[in-house]
Amino acid sequence: MVTGTVTCSDPTDFTDVSVFVRQPVGRFRSIQGGRGDSLGPCVDELSFTLAVAPDSGRFKQGNAFVFADTFACNEFSCDGDSTVEVVRLTK
């Protein structure tokens, strides 16, 4: 499960989030998976929880990279943001 919070500087009509998890395995392989969802309108902030399943193999305890992208629009404009975090996966 990946949890997070999207902070909106201006109210939005819709807000989308997508996350991608990559966990290195050895020198040349990695286990990875992604998921996205529409969070709906945002006034100040939105919390989300996404269950990310690996494309093949399975995630194990240890460090992984989480890439998160957000995209939101209101009646005047659209904007997006990205972040990368190193996290420790637990059971």
Protein backbone atom coordinates (compact mmCIF):
# COMPACT_ATOMS: atom_id res chain seq x y z
CA MET A 1 0.00 0.00 0.00
CA VAL A 2 1.21 3.46 -0.88
CA THR A 3 -0.30 6.32 1.10
CA GLY A 4 0.15 10.01 0.55
CA THR A 5 -1.38 13.47 0.58
CA VAL A 6 -1.92 15.86 -2.31
CA THR A 7 -1.93 19.54 -1.33
CA CYS A 8 -3.86 21.90 -3.62
CA SER A 9 -2.85 25.56 -3.71
CA ASP A 10 -6.08 26.36 -5.60
CA PRO A 11 -9.36 24.42 -5.68
CA THR A 12 -9.52 21.82 -8.48
CA ASP A 13 -12.36 20.20 -10.39
CA PHE A 14 -10.47 16.90 -10.49
CA THR A 15 -7.17 15.52 -9.22
CA ASP A 16 -5.44 12.39 -10.52
CA VAL A 17 -2.53 10.56 -8.91
CA SER A 18 -0.35 7.75 -10.19
CA VAL A 19 2.40 5.90 -8.36
CA PHE A 20 5.10 3.53 -9.59
CA VAL A 21 7.16 1.37 -7.21
CA ARG A 22 10.53 -0.08 -8.24
CA GLN A 23 12.56 -2.33 -5.95
CA PRO A 24 16.05 -3.29 -7.17
CA VAL A 25 16.87 -7.01 -6.99
CA GLY A 26 20.55 -7.68 -7.54
CA ARG A 27 22.55 -5.62 -10.02
CA PHE A 28 20.42 -5.88 -13.14
CA ARG A 29 16.82 -6.72 -12.13
CA SER A 30 13.99 -5.01 -10.35
CA ILE A 31 10.46 -5.77 -9.23
CA GLN A 32 8.05 -3.04 -10.23
CA GLY A 33 4.40 -2.12 -10.40
CA GLY A 34 2.17 0.90 -10.69
CA ARG A 35 -1.34 2.15 -10.08
CA GLY A 36 -3.31 5.33 -10.67
CA ASP A 37 -6.62 6.75 -9.51
CA SER A 38 -8.80 9.81 -9.81
CA LEU A 39 -9.22 11.48 -6.42
CA GLY A 40 -11.95 13.94 -7.41
CA PRO A 41 -12.09 17.64 -6.55
CA CYS A 42 -9.60 19.16 -4.11
CA VAL A 43 -10.06 22.23 -1.90
CA ASP A 44 -7.04 22.09 0.45
CA GLU A 45 -5.67 18.55 0.43
CA LEU A 46 -6.59 14.97 -0.41
CA SER A 47 -5.29 11.78 1.17
CA PHE A 48 -4.96 8.60 -0.86
CA THR A 49 -4.08 4.93 -0.43
CA LEU A 50 -3.25 2.79 -3.46
CA ALA A 51 -2.56 -0.94 -3.43
CA VAL A 52 0.33 -1.46 -5.84
CA ALA A 53 0.88 -5.02 -7.03
CA PRO A 54 4.10 -6.03 -8.78
CA ASP A 55 3.94 -6.83 -12.51
CA SER A 56 5.86 -10.06 -11.82
CA GLY A 57 7.57 -11.50 -8.76
CA ARG A 58 6.82 -9.94 -5.40
CA PHE A 59 7.96 -7.01 -3.32
CA LYS A 60 10.07 -7.91 -0.28
CA GLN A 61 11.19 -6.08 2.84
CA GLY A 62 13.83 -3.51 1.98
CA ASN A 63 14.38 -0.25 0.15
CA ALA A 64 12.36 0.74 -2.91
CA PHE A 65 11.81 3.83 -5.04
CA VAL A 66 8.33 5.36 -5.21
CA PHE A 67 7.62 7.71 -8.11
CA ALA A 68 4.43 9.76 -7.72
CA ASP A 69 2.77 12.04 -10.28
CA THR A 70 -0.25 14.28 -9.77
CA PHE A 71 -2.32 16.13 -12.34
CA ALA A 72 -5.22 18.48 -11.61
CA CYS A 73 -7.41 21.01 -13.42
CA ASN A 74 -9.89 23.71 -12.54
CA GLU A 75 -11.92 25.82 -14.96
CA PHE A 76 -8.93 28.12 -15.65
CA SER A 77 -5.84 25.92 -15.84
CA CYS A 78 -4.19 22.53 -15.34
CA ASP A 79 -1.03 21.69 -13.43
CA GLY A 80 0.99 18.68 -12.39
CA ASP A 81 3.82 17.69 -10.09
CA SER A 82 6.17 14.76 -9.59
CA THR A 83 8.22 13.40 -6.72
CA VAL A 84 10.54 10.48 -6.04
CA GLU A 85 11.05 9.01 -2.58
CA VAL A 86 13.18 6.18 -1.26
CA VAL A 87 11.08 4.14 1.17
CA ARG A 88 11.54 1.03 3.29
CA LEU A 89 9.01 -1.69 2.48
CA THR A 90 7.72 -3.68 5.44
CA LYS A 91 5.37 -6.65 5.76
